[in-house]
PDB file of N, CA and C in Angstrom:
ATOM      1  N   MET A   1      -6.136  23.206  58.957  1.00  0.00           N
ATOM      2  CA  MET A   1      -7.395  24.055  58.309  1.00  0.00           C
ATOM      3  C   MET A   1      -8.332  24.028  59.141  1.00  0.00           C
ATOM      4  N   SER A   2      -9.044  25.262  59.469  1.00  0.00           N
ATOM      5  CA  SER A   2     -10.078  25.347  60.378  1.00  0.00           C
ATOM      6  C   SER A   2     -11.332  25.055  59.749  1.00  0.00           C
ATOM      7  N   GLU A   3     -12.335  24.267  60.188  1.00  0.00           N
ATOM      8  CA  GLU A   3     -13.599  24.437  59.776  1.00  0.00           C
ATOM      9  C   GLU A   3     -14.435  25.104  60.360  1.00  0.00           C
ATOM     10  N   PHE A   4     -15.587  25.459  59.909  1.00  0.00           N
ATOM     11  CA  PHE A   4     -16.582  26.233  60.203  1.00  0.00           C
ATOM     12  C   PHE A   4     -17.443  25.568  61.135  1.00  0.00           C
ATOM     13  N   SER A   5     -17.225  26.134  62.550  1.00  0.00           N
ATOM     14  CA  SER A   5     -18.255  25.329  63.459  1.00  0.00           C
ATOM     15  C   SER A   5     -19.690  25.867  63.579  1.00  0.00           C
ATOM     16  N   ASN A   6     -19.999  27.026  62.969  1.00  0.00           N
ATOM     17  CA  ASN A   6     -21.241  27.710  63.180  1.00  0.00           C
ATOM     18  C   ASN A   6     -21.321  28.112  61.689  1.00  0.00           C
ATOM     19  N   LYS A   7     -22.915  27.621  61.375  1.00  0.00           N
ATOM     20  CA  LYS A   7     -23.042  27.867  60.045  1.00  0.00           C
ATOM     21  C   LYS A   7     -23.083  28.556  59.432  1.00  0.00           C
ATOM     22  N   ASN A   8     -23.620  29.904  60.243  1.00  0.00           N
ATOM     23  CA  ASN A   8     -23.871  31.190  59.453  1.00  0.00           C
ATOM     24  C   ASN A   8     -22.248  31.633  59.244  1.00  0.00           C
ATOM     25  N   GLN A   9     -21.032  31.231  59.700  1.00  0.00           N
ATOM     26  CA  GLN A   9     -19.800  31.902  59.243  1.00  0.00           C
ATOM     27  C   GLN A   9     -19.708  31.289  57.966  1.00  0.00           C
ATOM     28  N   ALA A  10     -20.228  30.311  57.267  1.00  0.00           N
ATOM     29  CA  ALA A  10     -20.243  29.934  55.779  1.00  0.00           C
ATOM     30  C   ALA A  10     -20.576  30.892  54.994  1.00  0.00           C
ATOM     31  N   TYR A  11     -21.672  31.737  55.459  1.00  0.00           N
ATOM     32  CA  TYR A  11     -22.126  33.107  54.779  1.00  0.00           C
ATOM     33  C   TYR A  11     -21.724  34.208  55.123  1.00  0.00           C
ATOM     34  N   ASN A  12     -20.761  34.220  56.002  1.00  0.00           N
ATOM     35  CA  ASN A  12     -20.256  35.572  56.547  1.00  0.00           C
ATOM     36  C   ASN A  12     -19.055  35.788  55.466  1.00  0.00           C
ATOM     37  N   LEU A  13     -19.040  36.504  54.656  1.00  0.00           N
ATOM     38  CA  LEU A  13     -17.970  36.319  53.545  1.00  0.00           C
ATOM     39  C   LEU A  13     -16.718  37.138  54.320  1.00  0.00           C
ATOM     40  N   GLU A  14     -16.640  38.112  54.900  1.00  0.00           N
ATOM     41  CA  GLU A  14     -15.718  39.081  55.405  1.00  0.00           C
ATOM     42  C   GLU A  14     -14.809  38.037  56.527  1.00  0.00           C
ATOM     43  N   GLU A  15     -15.756  37.211  57.222  1.00  0.00           N
ATOM     44  CA  GLU A  15     -14.975  36.259  58.082  1.00  0.00           C
ATOM     45  C   GLU A  15     -14.415  35.136  57.321  1.00  0.00           C
ATOM     46  N   ARG A  16     -15.114  34.654  56.281  1.00  0.00           N
ATOM     47  CA  ARG A  16     -14.519  33.375  55.389  1.00  0.00           C
ATOM     48  C   ARG A  16     -13.614  33.738  54.927  1.00  0.00           C
ATOM     49  N   THR A  17     -13.490  34.999  54.269  1.00  0.00           N
ATOM     50  CA  THR A  17     -12.456  35.451  53.212  1.00  0.00           C
ATOM     51  C   THR A  17     -11.050  35.995  54.413  1.00  0.00           C
ATOM     52  N   ALA A  18     -11.337  36.133  55.557  1.00  0.00           N
ATOM     53  CA  ALA A  18     -10.071  36.275  56.503  1.00  0.00           C
ATOM     54  C   ALA A  18      -9.647  34.917  56.796  1.00  0.00           C
ATOM     55  N   LYS A  19     -10.669  34.152  57.229  1.00  0.00           N
ATOM     56  CA  LYS A  19      -9.932  32.718  57.543  1.00  0.00           C
ATOM     57  C   LYS A  19      -9.502  32.028  56.316  1.00  0.00           C
ATOM     58  N   PHE A  20      -9.621  32.405  54.989  1.00  0.00           N
ATOM     59  CA  PHE A  20      -8.919  31.924  54.023  1.00  0.00           C
ATOM     60  C   PHE A  20      -7.474  32.329  53.965  1.00  0.00           C
ATOM     61  N   SER A  21      -7.411  33.895  54.257  1.00  0.00           N
ATOM     62  CA  SER A  21      -6.092  34.303  54.095  1.00  0.00           C
ATOM     63  C   SER A  21      -5.287  33.624  55.366  1.00  0.00           C
ATOM     64  N   GLU A  22      -5.733  33.831  56.588  1.00  0.00           N
ATOM     65  CA  GLU A  22      -4.917  33.299  57.721  1.00  0.00           C
ATOM     66  C   GLU A  22      -4.714  31.722  57.340  1.00  0.00           C
ATOM     67  N   ASN A  23      -5.454  31.002  56.890  1.00  0.00           N
ATOM     68  CA  ASN A  23      -5.069  29.693  56.610  1.00  0.00           C
ATOM     69  C   ASN A  23      -3.893  29.514  55.321  1.00  0.00           C
ATOM     70  N   MET A  24      -3.896  30.384  54.585  1.00  0.00           N
ATOM     71  CA  MET A  24      -3.035  30.643  53.332  1.00  0.00           C
ATOM     72  C   MET A  24      -1.572  30.807  54.012  1.00  0.00           C
ATOM     73  N   LEU A  25      -1.762  31.994  54.922  1.00  0.00           N
ATOM     74  CA  LEU A  25      -0.540  32.399  55.466  1.00  0.00           C
ATOM     75  C   LEU A  25       0.100  30.991  56.186  1.00  0.00           C
ATOM     76  N   ALA A  26      -0.436  30.286  57.058  1.00  0.00           N
ATOM     77  CA  ALA A  26      -0.308  29.268  57.651  1.00  0.00           C
ATOM     78  C   ALA A  26       0.439  28.256  57.025  1.00  0.00           C
ATOM     79  N   LEU A  27      -0.213  27.870  55.749  1.00  0.00           N
ATOM     80  CA  LEU A  27       0.413  27.125  54.624  1.00  0.00           C
ATOM     81  C   LEU A  27       1.862  27.451  54.057  1.00  0.00           C
ATOM     82  N   VAL A  28       1.855  28.790  53.867  1.00  0.00           N
ATOM     83  CA  VAL A  28       3.049  28.959  53.330  1.00  0.00           C
ATOM     84  C   VAL A  28       4.439  29.242  54.346  1.00  0.00           C
ATOM     85  N   ARG A  29       3.782  29.276  55.457  1.00  0.00           N
ATOM     86  CA  ARG A  29       4.798  29.302  56.289  1.00  0.00           C
ATOM     87  C   ARG A  29       5.474  28.447  56.671  1.00  0.00           C
ATOM     88  N   THR A  30       4.838  27.028  56.171  1.00  0.00           N
ATOM     89  CA  THR A  30       5.575  25.729  56.399  1.00  0.00           C
ATOM     90  C   THR A  30       6.447  25.519  55.604  1.00  0.00           C
ATOM     91  N   ILE A  31       6.576  26.173  54.275  1.00  0.00           N
ATOM     92  CA  ILE A  31       7.073  25.672  53.114  1.00  0.00           C
ATOM     93  C   ILE A  31       8.524  26.671  53.115  1.00  0.00           C
ATOM     94  N   LYS A  32       9.694  25.756  53.033  1.00  0.00           N
ATOM     95  CA  LYS A  32      11.064  26.351  52.725  1.00  0.00           C
ATOM     96  C   LYS A  32      11.061  27.105  51.637  1.00  0.00           C
ATOM     97  N   LYS A  33      11.744  28.243  51.834  1.00  0.00           N
ATOM     98  CA  LYS A  33      11.507  29.399  50.645  1.00  0.00           C
ATOM     99  C   LYS A  33      12.840  29.111  49.922  1.00  0.00           C
ATOM    100  N   ASP A  34      12.676  28.719  48.433  1.00  0.00           N
ATOM    101  CA  ASP A  34      14.132  28.518  47.595  1.00  0.00           C
ATOM    102  C   ASP A  34      13.838  29.247  46.520  1.00  0.00           C
ATOM    103  N   ASP A  35      14.551  29.454  45.625  1.00  0.00           N
ATOM    104  CA  ASP A  35      14.404  30.226  44.145  1.00  0.00           C
ATOM    105  C   ASP A  35      13.498  29.888  43.505  1.00  0.00           C
ATOM    106  N   ILE A  36      12.798  28.731  43.318  1.00  0.00           N
ATOM    107  CA  ILE A  36      11.992  28.187  42.462  1.00  0.00           C
ATOM    108  C   ILE A  36      10.524  28.820  43.406  1.00  0.00           C
ATOM    109  N   ASN A  37      10.067  28.439  44.393  1.00  0.00           N
ATOM    110  CA  ASN A  37       9.021  28.762  45.110  1.00  0.00           C
ATOM    111  C   ASN A  37       8.902  30.384  45.608  1.00  0.00           C
ATOM    112  N   ARG A  38      10.103  30.863  45.741  1.00  0.00           N
ATOM    113  CA  ARG A  38       9.306  32.286  46.221  1.00  0.00           C
ATOM    114  C   ARG A  38       8.825  33.345  45.855  1.00  0.00           C
ATOM    115  N   ASN A  39       8.708  33.280  44.545  1.00  0.00           N
ATOM    116  CA  ASN A  39       7.801  33.862  43.549  1.00  0.00           C
ATOM    117  C   ASN A  39       6.582  33.588  43.577  1.00  0.00           C
ATOM    118  N   ILE A  40       6.423  31.934  43.650  1.00  0.00           N
ATOM    119  CA  ILE A  40       4.913  31.224  43.453  1.00  0.00           C
ATOM    120  C   ILE A  40       4.104  31.729  44.777  1.00  0.00           C
ATOM    121  N   ILE A  41       4.882  31.954  46.117  1.00  0.00           N
ATOM    122  CA  ILE A  41       4.669  32.064  47.363  1.00  0.00           C
ATOM    123  C   ILE A  41       4.041  33.570  47.275  1.00  0.00           C
ATOM    124  N   VAL A  42       4.820  34.731  46.683  1.00  0.00           N
ATOM    125  CA  VAL A  42       4.734  35.827  46.583  1.00  0.00           C
ATOM    126  C   VAL A  42       3.184  36.112  46.269  1.00  0.00           C
ATOM    127  N   GLN A  43       3.346  35.564  45.201  1.00  0.00           N
ATOM    128  CA  GLN A  43       2.087  35.821  43.938  1.00  0.00           C
ATOM    129  C   GLN A  43       0.834  35.469  44.793  1.00  0.00           C
ATOM    130  N   LEU A  44       0.785  34.180  45.528  1.00  0.00           N
ATOM    131  CA  LEU A  44      -0.242  33.262  45.860  1.00  0.00           C
ATOM    132  C   LEU A  44      -0.672  34.211  47.163  1.00  0.00           C
ATOM    133  N   VAL A  45       0.227  34.688  48.120  1.00  0.00           N
ATOM    134  CA  VAL A  45      -0.558  35.390  49.239  1.00  0.00           C
ATOM    135  C   VAL A  45      -1.051  36.678  48.916  1.00  0.00           C
ATOM    136  N   ARG A  46      -0.257  37.425  47.603  1.00  0.00           N
ATOM    137  CA  ARG A  46      -0.801  38.574  47.206  1.00  0.00           C
ATOM    138  C   ARG A  46      -2.290  38.494  46.683  1.00  0.00           C
ATOM    139  N   ALA A  47      -2.797  37.563  45.879  1.00  0.00           N
ATOM    140  CA  ALA A  47      -3.875  36.983  45.289  1.00  0.00           C
ATOM    141  C   ALA A  47      -4.684  36.526  46.422  1.00  0.00           C
ATOM    142  N   ALA A  48      -4.423  35.873  47.200  1.00  0.00           N
ATOM    143  CA  ALA A  48      -5.387  35.469  48.283  1.00  0.00           C
ATOM    144  C   ALA A  48      -5.674  36.121  49.210  1.00  0.00           C
ATOM    145  N   THR A  49      -4.826  36.709  49.778  1.00  0.00           N
ATOM    146  CA  THR A  49      -5.040  37.984  50.882  1.00  0.00           C
ATOM    147  C   THR A  49      -6.066  39.176  50.364  1.00  0.00           C
ATOM    148  N   SER A  50      -6.058  39.388  48.977  1.00  0.00           N
ATOM    149  CA  SER A  50      -6.654  40.143  48.125  1.00  0.00           C
ATOM    150  C   SER A  50      -7.799  40.174  48.418  1.00  0.00           C
ATOM    151  N   ILE A  51      -8.455  38.896  48.226  1.00  0.00           N
ATOM    152  CA  ILE A  51      -9.847  38.162  48.041  1.00  0.00           C
ATOM    153  C   ILE A  51     -10.503  39.099  49.508  1.00  0.00           C
ATOM    154  N   GLY A  52      -9.982  38.798  50.593  1.00  0.00           N
ATOM    155  CA  GLY A  52     -10.944  39.442  51.703  1.00  0.00           C
ATOM    156  C   GLY A  52     -10.687  40.949  51.933  1.00  0.00           C
ATOM    157  N   ALA A  53      -9.147  41.527  51.825  1.00  0.00           N
ATOM    158  CA  ALA A  53      -9.339  42.817  51.813  1.00  0.00           C
ATOM    159  C   ALA A  53     -10.232  43.570  50.903  1.00  0.00           C
ATOM    160  N   ASN A  54     -10.032  43.080  49.684  1.00  0.00           N
ATOM    161  CA  ASN A  54     -11.102  43.833  48.807  1.00  0.00           C
ATOM    162  C   ASN A  54     -12.132  43.611  48.916  1.00  0.00           C
ATOM    163  N   TYR A  55     -12.873  42.607  49.468  1.00  0.00           N
ATOM    164  CA  TYR A  55     -14.226  42.200  49.605  1.00  0.00           C
ATOM    165  C   TYR A  55     -14.771  43.217  50.689  1.00  0.00           C
ATOM    166  N   CYS A  56     -13.787  43.595  51.941  1.00  0.00           N
ATOM    167  CA  CYS A  56     -14.142  44.225  52.665  1.00  0.00           C
ATOM    168  C   CYS A  56     -14.561  45.901  52.012  1.00  0.00           C
ATOM    169  N   GLU A  57     -13.721  45.913  51.361  1.00  0.00           N
ATOM    170  CA  GLU A  57     -13.922  47.465  50.237  1.00  0.00           C
ATOM    171  C   GLU A  57     -14.851  47.542  49.439  1.00  0.00           C
ATOM    172  N   ALA A  58     -15.075  46.362  49.037  1.00  0.00           N
ATOM    173  CA  ALA A  58     -16.531  46.492  48.117  1.00  0.00           C
ATOM    174  C   ALA A  58     -17.944  46.931  48.997  1.00  0.00           C
ATOM    175  N   ASN A  59     -17.571  46.011  50.265  1.00  0.00           N
ATOM    176  CA  ASN A  59     -18.871  46.332  51.342  1.00  0.00           C
ATOM    177  C   ASN A  59     -18.940  48.007  51.394  1.00  0.00           C
ATOM    178  N   ALA A  60     -17.903  48.790  51.507  1.00  0.00           N
ATOM    179  CA  ALA A  60     -17.961  50.242  51.836  1.00  0.00           C
ATOM    180  C   ALA A  60     -18.133  51.164  50.529  1.00  0.00           C
ATOM    181  N   SER A  61     -18.529  50.351  49.195  1.00  0.00           N
ATOM    182  CA  SER A  61     -18.369  51.004  48.086  1.00  0.00           C
ATOM    183  C   SER A  61     -19.282  52.087  47.898  1.00  0.00           C
ATOM    184  N   SER A  62     -19.299  52.834  47.052  1.00  0.00           N
ATOM    185  CA  SER A  62     -20.298  54.057  47.171  1.00  0.00           C
ATOM    186  C   SER A  62     -21.467  53.949  46.267  1.00  0.00           C
ATOM    187  N   SER A  63     -21.485  53.086  45.625  1.00  0.00           N
ATOM    188  CA  SER A  63     -22.372  52.936  44.406  1.00  0.00           C
ATOM    189  C   SER A  63     -22.683  51.489  43.972  1.00  0.00           C
ATOM    190  N   LYS A  64     -23.922  50.984  43.309  1.00  0.00           N
ATOM    191  CA  LYS A  64     -23.575  49.749  42.785  1.00  0.00           C
ATOM    192  C   LYS A  64     -23.017  48.990  41.930  1.00  0.00           C
ATOM    193  N   ARG A  65     -22.373  50.195  40.922  1.00  0.00           N
ATOM    194  CA  ARG A  65     -21.654  50.093  39.916  1.00  0.00           C
ATOM    195  C   ARG A  65     -20.254  49.830  40.919  1.00  0.00           C
ATOM    196  N   ASP A  66     -20.038  50.587  41.670  1.00  0.00           N
ATOM    197  CA  ASP A  66     -18.482  50.350  42.149  1.00  0.00           C
ATOM    198  C   ASP A  66     -18.422  49.071  42.926  1.00  0.00           C
ATOM    199  N   PHE A  67     -19.645  48.573  43.741  1.00  0.00           N
ATOM    200  CA  PHE A  67     -19.444  47.203  44.224  1.00  0.00           C
ATOM    201  C   PHE A  67     -19.329  46.280  43.052  1.00  0.00           C
ATOM    202  N   ARG A  68     -20.226  46.359  42.470  1.00  0.00           N
ATOM    203  CA  ARG A  68     -19.806  45.241  41.266  1.00  0.00           C
ATOM    204  C   ARG A  68     -18.538  45.209  40.592  1.00  0.00           C
ATOM    205  N   ASN A  69     -17.833  46.270  40.599  1.00  0.00           N
ATOM    206  CA  ASN A  69     -16.466  46.185  39.740  1.00  0.00           C
ATOM    207  C   ASN A  69     -15.503  45.820  40.881  1.00  0.00           C
ATOM    208  N   LYS A  70     -15.810  45.901  42.081  1.00  0.00           N
ATOM    209  CA  LYS A  70     -14.825  45.419  43.424  1.00  0.00           C
ATOM    210  C   LYS A  70     -14.991  44.054  43.326  1.00  0.00           C
ATOM    211  N   ILE A  71     -16.265  43.472  43.384  1.00  0.00           N
ATOM    212  CA  ILE A  71     -16.520  42.127  43.337  1.00  0.00           C
ATOM    213  C   ILE A  71     -16.066  41.266  42.192  1.00  0.00           C
ATOM    214  N   TYR A  72     -16.240  41.674  40.952  1.00  0.00           N
ATOM    215  CA  TYR A  72     -15.545  41.403  39.774  1.00  0.00           C
ATOM    216  C   TYR A  72     -14.063  41.141  39.972  1.00  0.00           C
ATOM    217  N   ILE A  73     -13.600  42.002  40.534  1.00  0.00           N
ATOM    218  CA  ILE A  73     -11.837  42.042  40.798  1.00  0.00           C
ATOM    219  C   ILE A  73     -11.866  41.147  41.996  1.00  0.00           C
ATOM    220  N   ARG A  74     -12.834  40.647  43.050  1.00  0.00           N
ATOM    221  CA  ARG A  74     -12.547  39.414  43.663  1.00  0.00           C
ATOM    222  C   ARG A  74     -12.788  38.222  43.174  1.00  0.00           C
ATOM    223  N   LYS A  75     -13.534  37.998  42.080  1.00  0.00           N
ATOM    224  CA  LYS A  75     -13.602  37.034  41.433  1.00  0.00           C
ATOM    225  C   LYS A  75     -12.322  36.683  40.478  1.00  0.00           C
ATOM    226  N   LYS A  76     -11.671  37.705  40.024  1.00  0.00           N
ATOM    227  CA  LYS A  76     -10.273  37.546  39.131  1.00  0.00           C
ATOM    228  C   LYS A  76      -9.722  37.099  40.202  1.00  0.00           C
ATOM    229  N   GLU A  77      -9.038  37.563  41.463  1.00  0.00           N
ATOM    230  CA  GLU A  77      -8.172  37.360  42.629  1.00  0.00           C
ATOM    231  C   GLU A  77      -8.612  35.909  42.970  1.00  0.00           C
ATOM    232  N   ALA A  78      -9.809  35.006  43.049  1.00  0.00           N
ATOM    233  CA  ALA A  78      -9.858  34.032  43.094  1.00  0.00           C
ATOM    234  C   ALA A  78      -9.280  32.764  42.427  1.00  0.00           C
ATOM    235  N   ASN A  79      -9.830  33.409  41.196  1.00  0.00           N
ATOM    236  CA  ASN A  79      -9.223  32.265  39.893  1.00  0.00           C
ATOM    237  C   ASN A  79      -7.470  32.620  39.844  1.00  0.00           C
ATOM    238  N   GLU A  80      -7.006  33.559  40.138  1.00  0.00           N
ATOM    239  CA  GLU A  80      -5.559  33.492  40.312  1.00  0.00           C
ATOM    240  C   GLU A  80      -5.146  32.763  41.380  1.00  0.00           C
ATOM    241  N   THR A  81      -5.574  32.909  42.787  1.00  0.00           N
ATOM    242  CA  THR A  81      -5.483  32.132  43.693  1.00  0.00           C
ATOM    243  C   THR A  81      -5.238  30.592  43.150  1.00  0.00           C
ATOM    244  N   LYS A  82      -6.301  30.105  42.422  1.00  0.00           N
ATOM    245  CA  LYS A  82      -6.336  28.716  42.197  1.00  0.00           C
ATOM    246  C   LYS A  82      -5.118  28.543  41.276  1.00  0.00           C
ATOM    247  N   TYR A  83      -4.817  29.369  40.280  1.00  0.00           N
ATOM    248  CA  TYR A  83      -3.836  29.183  39.596  1.00  0.00           C
ATOM    249  C   TYR A  83      -2.370  28.805  40.410  1.00  0.00           C
ATOM    250  N   TRP A  84      -2.225  30.035  41.016  1.00  0.00           N
ATOM    251  CA  TRP A  84      -0.978  29.831  41.870  1.00  0.00           C
ATOM    252  C   TRP A  84      -0.919  28.685  42.927  1.00  0.00           C
ATOM    253  N   LEU A  85      -2.132  27.993  43.471  1.00  0.00           N
ATOM    254  CA  LEU A  85      -2.314  26.804  44.383  1.00  0.00           C
ATOM    255  C   LEU A  85      -2.005  25.681  43.403  1.00  0.00           C
ATOM    256  N   ARG A  86      -2.474  25.560  42.212  1.00  0.00           N
ATOM    257  CA  ARG A  86      -1.864  24.493  41.143  1.00  0.00           C
ATOM    258  C   ARG A  86      -0.487  24.437  41.006  1.00  0.00           C
ATOM    259  N   ILE A  87       0.160  25.711  40.695  1.00  0.00           N
ATOM    260  CA  ILE A  87       1.516  25.620  40.529  1.00  0.00           C
ATOM    261  C   ILE A  87       2.218  25.020  41.813  1.00  0.00           C
ATOM    262  N   LEU A  88       1.816  25.563  42.878  1.00  0.00           N
ATOM    263  CA  LEU A  88       2.341  25.178  44.090  1.00  0.00           C
ATOM    264  C   LEU A  88       2.215  23.895  44.566  1.00  0.00           C
ATOM    265  N   LEU A  89       1.163  23.319  44.335  1.00  0.00           N
ATOM    266  CA  LEU A  89       1.070  21.836  44.264  1.00  0.00           C
ATOM    267  C   LEU A  89       2.151  20.957  43.407  1.00  0.00           C
ATOM    268  N   ALA A  90       2.038  21.565  42.036  1.00  0.00           N
ATOM    269  CA  ALA A  90       3.191  20.666  41.470  1.00  0.00           C
ATOM    270  C   ALA A  90       4.543  20.547  41.767  1.00  0.00           C
ATOM    271  N   TYR A  91       4.723  21.609  42.787  1.00  0.00           N
ATOM    272  CA  TYR A  91       6.110  21.625  43.084  1.00  0.00           C
ATOM    273  C   TYR A  91       6.060  21.124  44.615  1.00  0.00           C
ATOM    274  N   HIS A  92       5.007  21.061  45.376  1.00  0.00           N
ATOM    275  CA  HIS A  92       4.900  20.622  46.828  1.00  0.00           C
ATOM    276  C   HIS A  92       3.751  19.728  46.671  1.00  0.00           C
ATOM    277  N   PRO A  93       3.795  18.321  46.104  1.00  0.00           N
ATOM    278  CA  PRO A  93       3.011  17.482  45.933  1.00  0.00           C
ATOM    279  C   PRO A  93       2.786  16.979  47.334  1.00  0.00           C
ATOM    280  N   GLU A  94       3.572  16.833  48.145  1.00  0.00           N
ATOM    281  CA  GLU A  94       3.341  16.139  49.865  1.00  0.00           C
ATOM    282  C   GLU A  94       2.334  17.185  50.449  1.00  0.00           C
ATOM    283  N   LEU A  95       2.186  18.548  49.822  1.00  0.00           N
ATOM    284  CA  LEU A  95       1.081  19.329  50.530  1.00  0.00           C
ATOM    285  C   LEU A  95      -0.219  19.244  49.915  1.00  0.00           C
ATOM    286  N   LYS A  96      -0.552  17.967  48.924  1.00  0.00           N
ATOM    287  CA  LYS A  96      -1.724  18.141  48.238  1.00  0.00           C
ATOM    288  C   LYS A  96      -2.732  18.112  48.886  1.00  0.00           C
ATOM    289  N   GLU A  97      -3.073  17.619  50.173  1.00  0.00           N
ATOM    290  CA  GLU A  97      -4.637  17.509  51.055  1.00  0.00           C
ATOM    291  C   GLU A  97      -4.523  18.949  51.145  1.00  0.00           C
ATOM    292  N   THR A  98      -3.573  19.837  51.832  1.00  0.00           N
ATOM    293  CA  THR A  98      -3.822  21.215  52.302  1.00  0.00           C
ATOM    294  C   THR A  98      -4.076  22.124  50.917  1.00  0.00           C
ATOM    295  N   ILE A  99      -3.424  21.602  50.111  1.00  0.00           N
ATOM    296  CA  ILE A  99      -3.565  22.853  49.055  1.00  0.00           C
ATOM    297  C   ILE A  99      -4.825  22.592  48.261  1.00  0.00           C
ATOM    298  N   LEU A 100      -5.426  21.321  48.166  1.00  0.00           N
ATOM    299  CA  LEU A 100      -7.004  20.868  47.528  1.00  0.00           C
ATOM    300  C   LEU A 100      -8.023  21.446  48.464  1.00  0.00           C
ATOM    301  N   ILE A 101      -7.909  21.486  49.731  1.00  0.00           N
ATOM    302  CA  ILE A 101      -8.729  22.148  50.523  1.00  0.00           C
ATOM    303  C   ILE A 101      -8.790  23.805  50.293  1.00  0.00           C
ATOM    304  N   LEU A 102      -7.815  24.659  50.310  1.00  0.00           N
ATOM    305  CA  LEU A 102      -7.453  25.584  49.883  1.00  0.00           C
ATOM    306  C   LEU A 102      -8.032  26.170  48.612  1.00  0.00           C
ATOM    307  N   TRP A 103      -7.782  25.168  47.547  1.00  0.00           N
ATOM    308  CA  TRP A 103      -8.217  25.634  46.177  1.00  0.00           C
ATOM    309  C   TRP A 103      -9.510  25.450  46.295  1.00  0.00           C
ATOM    310  N   LYS A 104     -10.264  24.185  46.635  1.00  0.00           N
ATOM    311  CA  LYS A 104     -11.793  24.455  46.755  1.00  0.00           C
ATOM    312  C   LYS A 104     -12.529  25.779  47.015  1.00  0.00           C
ATOM    313  N   GLU A 105     -11.922  26.096  48.509  1.00  0.00           N
ATOM    314  CA  GLU A 105     -12.221  27.494  48.976  1.00  0.00           C
ATOM    315  C   GLU A 105     -12.084  28.459  47.922  1.00  0.00           C
ATOM    316  N   ALA A 106     -11.032  28.829  47.283  1.00  0.00           N
ATOM    317  CA  ALA A 106     -11.076  29.843  46.213  1.00  0.00           C
ATOM    318  C   ALA A 106     -11.995  29.612  45.106  1.00  0.00           C
ATOM    319  N   HIS A 107     -11.975  28.485  44.760  1.00  0.00           N
ATOM    320  CA  HIS A 107     -13.324  27.945  43.688  1.00  0.00           C
ATOM    321  C   HIS A 107     -14.746  28.527  44.423  1.00  0.00           C
ATOM    322  N   GLU A 108     -14.852  28.016  45.279  1.00  0.00           N
ATOM    323  CA  GLU A 108     -16.438  28.393  46.068  1.00  0.00           C
ATOM    324  C   GLU A 108     -16.336  30.009  45.955  1.00  0.00           C
ATOM    325  N   PHE A 109     -15.201  30.891  46.446  1.00  0.00           N
ATOM    326  CA  PHE A 109     -15.162  32.226  46.351  1.00  0.00           C
ATOM    327  C   PHE A 109     -15.587  32.528  44.948  1.00  0.00           C
ATOM    328  N   TYR A 110     -14.976  31.987  43.926  1.00  0.00           N
ATOM    329  CA  TYR A 110     -15.224  32.440  42.413  1.00  0.00           C
ATOM    330  C   TYR A 110     -16.697  32.232  42.271  1.00  0.00           C
ATOM    331  N   LEU A 111     -17.223  31.058  42.573  1.00  0.00           N
ATOM    332  CA  LEU A 111     -18.638  30.785  42.113  1.00  0.00           C
ATOM    333  C   LEU A 111     -19.471  31.744  42.893  1.00  0.00           C
ATOM    334  N   ILE A 112     -18.894  32.228  43.958  1.00  0.00           N
ATOM    335  CA  ILE A 112     -20.207  33.109  44.763  1.00  0.00           C
ATOM    336  C   ILE A 112     -19.878  34.506  44.154  1.00  0.00           C
ATOM    337  N   PHE A 113     -18.773  34.920  44.050  1.00  0.00           N
ATOM    338  CA  PHE A 113     -18.550  36.083  43.228  1.00  0.00           C
ATOM    339  C   PHE A 113     -19.149  36.288  41.714  1.00  0.00           C
ATOM    340  N   GLN A 114     -19.072  35.465  41.152  1.00  0.00           N
ATOM    341  CA  GLN A 114     -19.740  35.132  39.922  1.00  0.00           C
ATOM    342  C   GLN A 114     -21.449  35.333  40.148  1.00  0.00           C
ATOM    343  N   LYS A 115     -21.769  34.615  40.948  1.00  0.00           N
ATOM    344  CA  LYS A 115     -23.043  34.720  41.069  1.00  0.00           C
ATOM    345  C   LYS A 115     -23.548  36.407  41.818  1.00  0.00           C
ATOM    346  N   ILE A 116     -23.085  36.985  42.353  1.00  0.00           N
ATOM    347  CA  ILE A 116     -23.136  38.132  42.819  1.00  0.00           C
ATOM    348  C   ILE A 116     -23.078  39.225  41.454  1.00  0.00           C
ATOM    349  N   THR A 117     -22.047  38.941  40.864  1.00  0.00           N
ATOM    350  CA  THR A 117     -21.959  40.198  39.754  1.00  0.00           C
ATOM    351  C   THR A 117     -23.070  39.589  38.339  1.00  0.00           C
ATOM    352  N   THR A 118     -23.576  38.345  38.055  1.00  0.00           N
ATOM    353  CA  THR A 118     -24.557  37.944  37.295  1.00  0.00           C
ATOM    354  C   THR A 118     -25.605  38.623  37.918  1.00  0.00           C
ATOM    355  N   THR A 119     -26.116  38.420  39.484  1.00  0.00           N
ATOM    356  CA  THR A 119     -27.214  38.914  39.724  1.00  0.00           C
ATOM    357  C   THR A 119     -27.379  40.121  39.755  1.00  0.00           C
ATOM    358  N   ILE A 120     -26.321  41.196  39.796  1.00  0.00           N
ATOM    359  CA  ILE A 120     -26.226  42.374  39.713  1.00  0.00           C
ATOM    360  C   ILE A 120     -26.418  42.998  38.247  1.00  0.00           C
ATOM    361  N   ASP A 121     -25.695  42.201  37.305  1.00  0.00           N
ATOM    362  CA  ASP A 121     -25.826  42.671  35.739  1.00  0.00           C
ATOM    363  C   ASP A 121     -27.496  42.482  35.470  1.00  0.00           C
ATOM    364  N   LYS A 122     -27.922  41.491  36.044  1.00  0.00           N
ATOM    365  CA  LYS A 122     -29.335  40.882  35.647  1.00  0.00           C
ATOM    366  C   LYS A 122     -30.214  42.188  35.997  1.00  0.00           C
ATOM    367  N   GLY A 123     -30.193  42.474  37.337  1.00  0.00           N
ATOM    368  CA  GLY A 123     -30.919  43.946  37.979  1.00  0.00           C
ATOM    369  C   GLY A 123     -30.581  45.069  37.149  1.00  0.00           C
ATOM    370  N   SER A 124     -29.882  45.227  36.566  1.00  0.00           N
ATOM    371  CA  SER A 124     -29.358  46.367  35.670  1.00  0.00           C
ATOM    372  C   SER A 124     -30.095  46.509  34.474  1.00  0.00           C
ATOM    373  N   LYS A 125     -30.066  45.446  34.077  1.00  0.00           N
ATOM    374  CA  LYS A 125     -31.087  45.143  32.717  1.00  0.00           C
ATOM    375  C   LYS A 125     -32.599  45.560  32.882  1.00  0.00           C
ATOM    376  N   ASN A 126     -33.181  45.275  34.322  1.00  0.00           N
ATOM    377  CA  ASN A 126     -34.513  45.234  34.163  1.00  0.00           C
ATOM    378  C   ASN A 126     -34.934  47.003  34.417  1.00  0.00           C
TER     379      ASN A 126
END
């Protein structure tokens, strides 16, 4: 797992979500595919890589409402990623350290996106 050498990268969500996707792909490439984990891996990769791809799309949204909706979807994808990581951990306990690092990052994304949507919602009520 790569750590952020520059503090500003921790606040650059496009870069951070791209790194997260790269780290997720690196993890799943190490796992031997079988009938049980093949679907888990497909679902995990879709959810995890969707966080970054759709965050970029949110930044190009046409309105505040569109931006909020896209961020809300990102929050759901982060939550789904946490779920699939939990399932993967149950099947591959030998990968615990790496999976927990990725789970924590997905959880941080969830919290960040939750804060963004809450802030937008509060601003809409004023």
